[in-house]
Amino acid sequence: MLSQEVLVNNQVGLHARPATFFIQKANEFKCSVWVEKEDRRINAKSLLGVLSLGIIKGTSITIIADGADEAEAVKALCDLIVSNFSE
């Protein structure tokens, strides 16, 4: 299991379009992937789950992955967030 904390800094946070990009990226990996915010952990491959966290600009979240390609998944998802979803 691998995890990394990352700061969401794009204008709208992890809502609508950025959330869709995030979920599409998470689904490229075979491993299980979760997003953790404060004391809640959700499946990163679920749009409803990601939206339910209410992640806004300036929120710190933790990406957690467990499985064969966990390192690649955590890196790719953190890179996507750091790039502000290429906005």
PDB file of N, CA and C in Angstrom:
ATOM      1  N   MET A   1       0.845  -1.176   0.000  1.00  0.00           N
ATOM      2  CA  MET A   1       0.000   0.000   0.000  1.00  0.00           C
ATOM      3  C   MET A   1       0.890   1.240   0.000  1.00  0.00           C
ATOM      4  N   LEU A   2       0.509   2.197  -0.819  1.00  0.00           N
ATOM      5  CA  LEU A   2       1.292   3.420  -0.976  1.00  0.00           C
ATOM      6  C   LEU A   2       0.347   4.605  -0.878  1.00  0.00           C
ATOM      7  N   SER A   3       0.796   5.695  -0.237  1.00  0.00           N
ATOM      8  CA  SER A   3      -0.049   6.887  -0.160  1.00  0.00           C
ATOM      9  C   SER A   3       0.801   8.143  -0.272  1.00  0.00           C
ATOM     10  N   GLN A   4       0.156   9.220  -0.713  1.00  0.00           N
ATOM     11  CA  GLN A   4       0.827  10.506  -0.827  1.00  0.00           C
ATOM     12  C   GLN A   4      -0.195  11.618  -0.641  1.00  0.00           C
ATOM     13  N   GLU A   5       0.190  12.626   0.120  1.00  0.00           N
ATOM     14  CA  GLU A   5      -0.673  13.780   0.330  1.00  0.00           C
ATOM     15  C   GLU A   5      -0.410  14.807  -0.771  1.00  0.00           C
ATOM     16  N   VAL A   6      -1.469  15.461  -1.230  1.00  0.00           N
ATOM     17  CA  VAL A   6      -1.344  16.440  -2.302  1.00  0.00           C
ATOM     18  C   VAL A   6      -2.361  17.560  -2.060  1.00  0.00           C
ATOM     19  N   LEU A   7      -2.007  18.774  -2.458  1.00  0.00           N
ATOM     20  CA  LEU A   7      -2.868  19.942  -2.290  1.00  0.00           C
ATOM     21  C   LEU A   7      -3.601  20.225  -3.593  1.00  0.00           C
ATOM     22  N   VAL A   8      -4.924  20.286  -3.527  1.00  0.00           N
ATOM     23  CA  VAL A   8      -5.747  20.608  -4.697  1.00  0.00           C
ATOM     24  C   VAL A   8      -5.766  22.129  -4.823  1.00  0.00           C
ATOM     25  N   ASN A   9      -5.236  22.627  -5.939  1.00  0.00           N
ATOM     26  CA  ASN A   9      -5.069  24.072  -6.064  1.00  0.00           C
ATOM     27  C   ASN A   9      -5.709  24.657  -7.315  1.00  0.00           C
ATOM     28  N   ASN A  10      -6.449  23.835  -8.086  1.00  0.00           N
ATOM     29  CA  ASN A  10      -7.106  24.398  -9.269  1.00  0.00           C
ATOM     30  C   ASN A  10      -8.345  25.182  -8.840  1.00  0.00           C
ATOM     31  N   GLN A  11      -8.865  26.006  -9.717  1.00  0.00           N
ATOM     32  CA  GLN A  11      -9.907  26.967  -9.392  1.00  0.00           C
ATOM     33  C   GLN A  11     -11.170  26.351  -8.794  1.00  0.00           C
ATOM     34  N   VAL A  12     -11.668  25.256  -9.362  1.00  0.00           N
ATOM     35  CA  VAL A  12     -12.950  24.693  -8.903  1.00  0.00           C
ATOM     36  C   VAL A  12     -12.788  23.486  -7.982  1.00  0.00           C
ATOM     37  N   GLY A  13     -11.561  23.120  -7.651  1.00  0.00           N
ATOM     38  CA  GLY A  13     -11.352  21.946  -6.814  1.00  0.00           C
ATOM     39  C   GLY A  13     -11.590  20.678  -7.608  1.00  0.00           C
ATOM     40  N   LEU A  14     -12.062  19.647  -6.929  1.00  0.00           N
ATOM     41  CA  LEU A  14     -12.286  18.354  -7.583  1.00  0.00           C
ATOM     42  C   LEU A  14     -13.784  18.181  -7.826  1.00  0.00           C
ATOM     43  N   HIS A  15     -14.318  19.026  -8.714  1.00  0.00           N
ATOM     44  CA  HIS A  15     -15.744  19.006  -9.056  1.00  0.00           C
ATOM     45  C   HIS A  15     -15.904  18.913 -10.559  1.00  0.00           C
ATOM     46  N   ALA A  16     -17.029  18.383 -10.990  1.00  0.00           N
ATOM     47  CA  ALA A  16     -17.435  18.320 -12.392  1.00  0.00           C
ATOM     48  C   ALA A  16     -16.327  17.818 -13.312  1.00  0.00           C
ATOM     49  N   ARG A  17     -15.827  18.690 -14.182  1.00  0.00           N
ATOM     50  CA  ARG A  17     -14.853  18.287 -15.200  1.00  0.00           C
ATOM     51  C   ARG A  17     -13.552  17.737 -14.608  1.00  0.00           C
ATOM     52  N   PRO A  18     -12.914  18.427 -13.659  1.00  0.00           N
ATOM     53  CA  PRO A  18     -11.686  17.861 -13.080  1.00  0.00           C
ATOM     54  C   PRO A  18     -11.919  16.510 -12.398  1.00  0.00           C
ATOM     55  N   ALA A  19     -13.062  16.341 -11.752  1.00  0.00           N
ATOM     56  CA  ALA A  19     -13.364  15.067 -11.097  1.00  0.00           C
ATOM     57  C   ALA A  19     -13.479  13.952 -12.132  1.00  0.00           C
ATOM     58  N   THR A  20     -14.067  14.260 -13.274  1.00  0.00           N
ATOM     59  CA  THR A  20     -14.192  13.272 -14.345  1.00  0.00           C
ATOM     60  C   THR A  20     -12.819  12.857 -14.853  1.00  0.00           C
ATOM     61  N   PHE A  21     -11.922  13.832 -15.074  1.00  0.00           N
ATOM     62  CA  PHE A  21     -10.549  13.522 -15.508  1.00  0.00           C
ATOM     63  C   PHE A  21      -9.855  12.654 -14.468  1.00  0.00           C
ATOM     64  N   PHE A  22     -10.031  12.994 -13.198  1.00  0.00           N
ATOM     65  CA  PHE A  22      -9.400  12.267 -12.105  1.00  0.00           C
ATOM     66  C   PHE A  22      -9.861  10.807 -12.089  1.00  0.00           C
ATOM     67  N   ILE A  23     -11.160  10.592 -12.223  1.00  0.00           N
ATOM     68  CA  ILE A  23     -11.722   9.241 -12.197  1.00  0.00           C
ATOM     69  C   ILE A  23     -11.282   8.436 -13.416  1.00  0.00           C
ATOM     70  N   GLN A  24     -11.254   9.071 -14.571  1.00  0.00           N
ATOM     71  CA  GLN A  24     -10.782   8.383 -15.776  1.00  0.00           C
ATOM     72  C   GLN A  24      -9.343   7.922 -15.596  1.00  0.00           C
ATOM     73  N   LYS A  25      -8.518   8.783 -15.016  1.00  0.00           N
ATOM     74  CA  LYS A  25      -7.119   8.421 -14.767  1.00  0.00           C
ATOM     75  C   LYS A  25      -7.035   7.279 -13.760  1.00  0.00           C
ATOM     76  N   ALA A  26      -7.805   7.338 -12.693  1.00  0.00           N
ATOM     77  CA  ALA A  26      -7.791   6.276 -11.668  1.00  0.00           C
ATOM     78  C   ALA A  26      -8.199   4.935 -12.263  1.00  0.00           C
ATOM     79  N   ASN A  27      -9.141   4.964 -13.198  1.00  0.00           N
ATOM     80  CA  ASN A  27      -9.628   3.727 -13.813  1.00  0.00           C
ATOM     81  C   ASN A  27      -8.638   3.113 -14.801  1.00  0.00           C
ATOM     82  N   GLU A  28      -7.560   3.809 -15.121  1.00  0.00           N
ATOM     83  CA  GLU A  28      -6.524   3.255 -15.990  1.00  0.00           C
ATOM     84  C   GLU A  28      -5.671   2.214 -15.259  1.00  0.00           C
ATOM     85  N   PHE A  29      -5.800   2.146 -13.943  1.00  0.00           N
ATOM     86  CA  PHE A  29      -4.957   1.267 -13.132  1.00  0.00           C
ATOM     87  C   PHE A  29      -5.749   0.101 -12.574  1.00  0.00           C
ATOM     88  N   LYS A  30      -5.060  -1.033 -12.433  1.00  0.00           N
ATOM     89  CA  LYS A  30      -5.701  -2.241 -11.916  1.00  0.00           C
ATOM     90  C   LYS A  30      -5.832  -2.215 -10.395  1.00  0.00           C
ATOM     91  N   CYS A  31      -4.949  -1.500  -9.724  1.00  0.00           N
ATOM     92  CA  CYS A  31      -4.949  -1.480  -8.265  1.00  0.00           C
ATOM     93  C   CYS A  31      -6.180  -0.752  -7.710  1.00  0.00           C
ATOM     94  N   SER A  32      -6.449  -0.966  -6.446  1.00  0.00           N
ATOM     95  CA  SER A  32      -7.505  -0.224  -5.748  1.00  0.00           C
ATOM     96  C   SER A  32      -6.954   1.158  -5.420  1.00  0.00           C
ATOM     97  N   VAL A  33      -7.779   2.183  -5.616  1.00  0.00           N
ATOM     98  CA  VAL A  33      -7.340   3.560  -5.356  1.00  0.00           C
ATOM     99  C   VAL A  33      -8.405   4.264  -4.521  1.00  0.00           C
ATOM    100  N   TRP A  34      -7.961   4.977  -3.490  1.00  0.00           N
ATOM    101  CA  TRP A  34      -8.868   5.725  -2.630  1.00  0.00           C
ATOM    102  C   TRP A  34      -8.390   7.161  -2.502  1.00  0.00           C
ATOM    103  N   VAL A  35      -9.338   8.031  -2.168  1.00  0.00           N
ATOM    104  CA  VAL A  35      -9.032   9.423  -1.826  1.00  0.00           C
ATOM    105  C   VAL A  35      -9.482   9.604  -0.384  1.00  0.00           C
ATOM    106  N   GLU A  36      -8.601  10.206   0.413  1.00  0.00           N
ATOM    107  CA  GLU A  36      -8.919  10.432   1.809  1.00  0.00           C
ATOM    108  C   GLU A  36      -8.874  11.933   2.094  1.00  0.00           C
ATOM    109  N   LYS A  37      -9.938  12.425   2.713  1.00  0.00           N
ATOM    110  CA  LYS A  37     -10.024  13.827   3.141  1.00  0.00           C
ATOM    111  C   LYS A  37     -10.495  13.818   4.579  1.00  0.00           C
ATOM    112  N   GLU A  38      -9.659  14.354   5.454  1.00  0.00           N
ATOM    113  CA  GLU A  38      -9.929  14.327   6.889  1.00  0.00           C
ATOM    114  C   GLU A  38     -10.160  12.884   7.322  1.00  0.00           C
ATOM    115  N   ASP A  39     -11.346  12.524   7.787  1.00  0.00           N
ATOM    116  CA  ASP A  39     -11.564  11.156   8.275  1.00  0.00           C
ATOM    117  C   ASP A  39     -12.394  10.311   7.311  1.00  0.00           C
ATOM    118  N   ARG A  40     -12.611  10.792   6.095  1.00  0.00           N
ATOM    119  CA  ARG A  40     -13.411  10.046   5.111  1.00  0.00           C
ATOM    120  C   ARG A  40     -12.532   9.488   4.004  1.00  0.00           C
ATOM    121  N   ARG A  41     -12.781   8.239   3.645  1.00  0.00           N
ATOM    122  CA  ARG A  41     -12.046   7.593   2.555  1.00  0.00           C
ATOM    123  C   ARG A  41     -13.061   7.050   1.555  1.00  0.00           C
ATOM    124  N   ILE A  42     -12.870   7.388   0.279  1.00  0.00           N
ATOM    125  CA  ILE A  42     -13.799   6.934  -0.761  1.00  0.00           C
ATOM    126  C   ILE A  42     -13.020   6.277  -1.897  1.00  0.00           C
ATOM    127  N   ASN A  43     -13.739   5.536  -2.714  1.00  0.00           N
ATOM    128  CA  ASN A  43     -13.168   4.898  -3.892  1.00  0.00           C
ATOM    129  C   ASN A  43     -12.888   5.981  -4.940  1.00  0.00           C
ATOM    130  N   ALA A  44     -11.644   6.099  -5.377  1.00  0.00           N
ATOM    131  CA  ALA A  44     -11.253   7.131  -6.343  1.00  0.00           C
ATOM    132  C   ALA A  44     -11.800   6.861  -7.732  1.00  0.00           C
ATOM    133  N   LYS A  45     -12.371   5.683  -7.939  1.00  0.00           N
ATOM    134  CA  LYS A  45     -12.917   5.332  -9.251  1.00  0.00           C
ATOM    135  C   LYS A  45     -14.424   5.603  -9.314  1.00  0.00           C
ATOM    136  N   SER A  46     -14.968   6.242  -8.277  1.00  0.00           N
ATOM    137  CA  SER A  46     -16.397   6.529  -8.185  1.00  0.00           C
ATOM    138  C   SER A  46     -16.654   8.032  -8.251  1.00  0.00           C
ATOM    139  N   LEU A  47     -17.375   8.471  -9.277  1.00  0.00           N
ATOM    140  CA  LEU A  47     -17.674   9.896  -9.420  1.00  0.00           C
ATOM    141  C   LEU A  47     -18.476  10.411  -8.226  1.00  0.00           C
ATOM    142  N   LEU A  48     -19.509   9.680  -7.821  1.00  0.00           N
ATOM    143  CA  LEU A  48     -20.304  10.114  -6.674  1.00  0.00           C
ATOM    144  C   LEU A  48     -19.462  10.205  -5.407  1.00  0.00           C
ATOM    145  N   GLY A  49     -18.578   9.236  -5.227  1.00  0.00           N
ATOM    146  CA  GLY A  49     -17.712   9.246  -4.057  1.00  0.00           C
ATOM    147  C   GLY A  49     -16.808  10.467  -4.028  1.00  0.00           C
ATOM    148  N   VAL A  50     -16.151  10.749  -5.152  1.00  0.00           N
ATOM    149  CA  VAL A  50     -15.239  11.892  -5.237  1.00  0.00           C
ATOM    150  C   VAL A  50     -15.999  13.196  -5.025  1.00  0.00           C
ATOM    151  N   LEU A  51     -17.138  13.336  -5.669  1.00  0.00           N
ATOM    152  CA  LEU A  51     -17.927  14.559  -5.516  1.00  0.00           C
ATOM    153  C   LEU A  51     -18.442  14.726  -4.092  1.00  0.00           C
ATOM    154  N   SER A  52     -18.734  13.614  -3.419  1.00  0.00           N
ATOM    155  CA  SER A  52     -19.278  13.681  -2.058  1.00  0.00           C
ATOM    156  C   SER A  52     -18.286  14.243  -1.045  1.00  0.00           C
ATOM    157  N   LEU A  53     -17.000  14.218  -1.370  1.00  0.00           N
ATOM    158  CA  LEU A  53     -15.998  14.762  -0.446  1.00  0.00           C
ATOM    159  C   LEU A  53     -15.988  16.285  -0.430  1.00  0.00           C
ATOM    160  N   GLY A  54     -16.545  16.923  -1.453  1.00  0.00           N
ATOM    161  CA  GLY A  54     -16.594  18.387  -1.488  1.00  0.00           C
ATOM    162  C   GLY A  54     -15.208  19.012  -1.483  1.00  0.00           C
ATOM    163  N   ILE A  55     -14.334  18.529  -2.331  1.00  0.00           N
ATOM    164  CA  ILE A  55     -12.944  19.003  -2.359  1.00  0.00           C
ATOM    165  C   ILE A  55     -12.880  20.330  -3.115  1.00  0.00           C
ATOM    166  N   ILE A  56     -12.524  21.389  -2.400  1.00  0.00           N
ATOM    167  CA  ILE A  56     -12.433  22.721  -2.998  1.00  0.00           C
ATOM    168  C   ILE A  56     -10.969  23.150  -3.083  1.00  0.00           C
ATOM    169  N   LYS A  57     -10.737  24.274  -3.744  1.00  0.00           N
ATOM    170  CA  LYS A  57      -9.376  24.811  -3.873  1.00  0.00           C
ATOM    171  C   LYS A  57      -8.768  24.992  -2.487  1.00  0.00           C
ATOM    172  N   GLY A  58      -7.523  24.530  -2.356  1.00  0.00           N
ATOM    173  CA  GLY A  58      -6.811  24.664  -1.091  1.00  0.00           C
ATOM    174  C   GLY A  58      -6.965  23.482  -0.148  1.00  0.00           C
ATOM    175  N   THR A  59      -7.687  22.461  -0.572  1.00  0.00           N
ATOM    176  CA  THR A  59      -7.903  21.271   0.256  1.00  0.00           C
ATOM    177  C   THR A  59      -6.748  20.290   0.081  1.00  0.00           C
ATOM    178  N   SER A  60      -6.279  19.757   1.189  1.00  0.00           N
ATOM    179  CA  SER A  60      -5.244  18.730   1.162  1.00  0.00           C
ATOM    180  C   SER A  60      -5.921  17.365   1.231  1.00  0.00           C
ATOM    181  N   ILE A  61      -5.583  16.482   0.286  1.00  0.00           N
ATOM    182  CA  ILE A  61      -6.143  15.133   0.261  1.00  0.00           C
ATOM    183  C   ILE A  61      -5.007  14.126   0.203  1.00  0.00           C
ATOM    184  N   THR A  62      -5.318  12.891   0.507  1.00  0.00           N
ATOM    185  CA  THR A  62      -4.336  11.812   0.420  1.00  0.00           C
ATOM    186  C   THR A  62      -4.819  10.807  -0.624  1.00  0.00           C
ATOM    187  N   ILE A  63      -3.922  10.483  -1.558  1.00  0.00           N
ATOM    188  CA  ILE A  63      -4.187   9.456  -2.561  1.00  0.00           C
ATOM    189  C   ILE A  63      -3.571   8.165  -2.039  1.00  0.00           C
ATOM    190  N   ILE A  64      -4.371   7.106  -1.993  1.00  0.00           N
ATOM    191  CA  ILE A  64      -3.911   5.818  -1.478  1.00  0.00           C
ATOM    192  C   ILE A  64      -4.166   4.755  -2.539  1.00  0.00           C
ATOM    193  N   ALA A  65      -3.173   3.925  -2.797  1.00  0.00           N
ATOM    194  CA  ALA A  65      -3.331   2.849  -3.785  1.00  0.00           C
ATOM    195  C   ALA A  65      -2.762   1.555  -3.217  1.00  0.00           C
ATOM    196  N   ASP A  66      -3.384   0.452  -3.601  1.00  0.00           N
ATOM    197  CA  ASP A  66      -2.938  -0.854  -3.140  1.00  0.00           C
ATOM    198  C   ASP A  66      -3.101  -1.857  -4.279  1.00  0.00           C
ATOM    199  N   GLY A  67      -1.980  -2.408  -4.738  1.00  0.00           N
ATOM    200  CA  GLY A  67      -2.027  -3.394  -5.813  1.00  0.00           C
ATOM    201  C   GLY A  67      -0.773  -3.352  -6.656  1.00  0.00           C
ATOM    202  N   ALA A  68      -0.800  -4.076  -7.753  1.00  0.00           N
ATOM    203  CA  ALA A  68       0.378  -4.260  -8.600  1.00  0.00           C
ATOM    204  C   ALA A  68       0.956  -2.959  -9.139  1.00  0.00           C
ATOM    205  N   ASP A  69       0.104  -2.031  -9.551  1.00  0.00           N
ATOM    206  CA  ASP A  69       0.588  -0.790 -10.154  1.00  0.00           C
ATOM    207  C   ASP A  69       0.344   0.426  -9.253  1.00  0.00           C
ATOM    208  N   GLU A  70       0.401   0.212  -7.936  1.00  0.00           N
ATOM    209  CA  GLU A  70       0.102   1.275  -6.974  1.00  0.00           C
ATOM    210  C   GLU A  70       1.009   2.490  -7.102  1.00  0.00           C
ATOM    211  N   ALA A  71       2.306   2.293  -7.313  1.00  0.00           N
ATOM    212  CA  ALA A  71       3.234   3.420  -7.412  1.00  0.00           C
ATOM    213  C   ALA A  71       2.904   4.293  -8.619  1.00  0.00           C
ATOM    214  N   GLU A  72       2.615   3.656  -9.739  1.00  0.00           N
ATOM    215  CA  GLU A  72       2.275   4.401 -10.949  1.00  0.00           C
ATOM    216  C   GLU A  72       0.964   5.161 -10.772  1.00  0.00           C
ATOM    217  N   ALA A  73      -0.006   4.541 -10.097  1.00  0.00           N
ATOM    218  CA  ALA A  73      -1.309   5.172  -9.882  1.00  0.00           C
ATOM    219  C   ALA A  73      -1.180   6.413  -9.007  1.00  0.00           C
ATOM    220  N   VAL A  74      -0.475   6.289  -7.892  1.00  0.00           N
ATOM    221  CA  VAL A  74      -0.315   7.433  -6.984  1.00  0.00           C
ATOM    222  C   VAL A  74       0.411   8.567  -7.691  1.00  0.00           C
ATOM    223  N   LYS A  75       1.484   8.251  -8.414  1.00  0.00           N
ATOM    224  CA  LYS A  75       2.243   9.282  -9.122  1.00  0.00           C
ATOM    225  C   LYS A  75       1.388   9.968 -10.179  1.00  0.00           C
ATOM    226  N   ALA A  76       0.672   9.196 -10.984  1.00  0.00           N
ATOM    227  CA  ALA A  76      -0.137   9.769 -12.065  1.00  0.00           C
ATOM    228  C   ALA A  76      -1.242  10.669 -11.519  1.00  0.00           C
ATOM    229  N   LEU A  77      -1.919  10.238 -10.463  1.00  0.00           N
ATOM    230  CA  LEU A  77      -3.014  11.036  -9.908  1.00  0.00           C
ATOM    231  C   LEU A  77      -2.505  12.295  -9.214  1.00  0.00           C
ATOM    232  N   CYS A  78      -1.391  12.177  -8.509  1.00  0.00           N
ATOM    233  CA  CYS A  78      -0.799  13.368  -7.875  1.00  0.00           C
ATOM    234  C   CYS A  78      -0.305  14.349  -8.932  1.00  0.00           C
ATOM    235  N   ASP A  79       0.322  13.834  -9.994  1.00  0.00           N
ATOM    236  CA  ASP A  79       0.788  14.702 -11.086  1.00  0.00           C
ATOM    237  C   ASP A  79      -0.380  15.432 -11.738  1.00  0.00           C
ATOM    238  N   LEU A  80      -1.508  14.737 -11.913  1.00  0.00           N
ATOM    239  CA  LEU A  80      -2.695  15.343 -12.510  1.00  0.00           C
ATOM    240  C   LEU A  80      -3.198  16.503 -11.640  1.00  0.00           C
ATOM    241  N   ILE A  81      -3.232  16.292 -10.340  1.00  0.00           N
ATOM    242  CA  ILE A  81      -3.690  17.341  -9.428  1.00  0.00           C
ATOM    243  C   ILE A  81      -2.711  18.510  -9.403  1.00  0.00           C
ATOM    244  N   VAL A  82      -1.421  18.229  -9.316  1.00  0.00           N
ATOM    245  CA  VAL A  82      -0.397  19.279  -9.269  1.00  0.00           C
ATOM    246  C   VAL A  82      -0.417  20.113 -10.554  1.00  0.00           C
ATOM    247  N   SER A  83      -0.740  19.487 -11.693  1.00  0.00           N
ATOM    248  CA  SER A  83      -0.788  20.215 -12.963  1.00  0.00           C
ATOM    249  C   SER A  83      -2.061  21.056 -13.096  1.00  0.00           C
ATOM    250  N   ASN A  84      -2.892  21.061 -12.038  1.00  0.00           N
ATOM    251  CA  ASN A  84      -4.176  21.765 -12.061  1.00  0.00           C
ATOM    252  C   ASN A  84      -5.058  21.269 -13.195  1.00  0.00           C
ATOM    253  N   PHE A  85      -4.959  19.983 -13.517  1.00  0.00           N
ATOM    254  CA  PHE A  85      -5.756  19.342 -14.561  1.00  0.00           C
ATOM    255  C   PHE A  85      -5.533  20.024 -15.906  1.00  0.00           C
ATOM    256  N   SER A  86      -4.308  20.519 -16.103  1.00  0.00           N
ATOM    257  CA  SER A  86      -3.889  21.178 -17.346  1.00  0.00           C
ATOM    258  C   SER A  86      -4.792  22.345 -17.722  1.00  0.00           C
ATOM    259  N   GLU A  87      -5.275  23.069 -16.718  1.00  0.00           N
ATOM    260  CA  GLU A  87      -6.127  24.245 -16.992  1.00  0.00           C
ATOM    261  C   GLU A  87      -5.292  25.420 -17.431  1.00  0.00           C
TER     262      GLU A  87
END
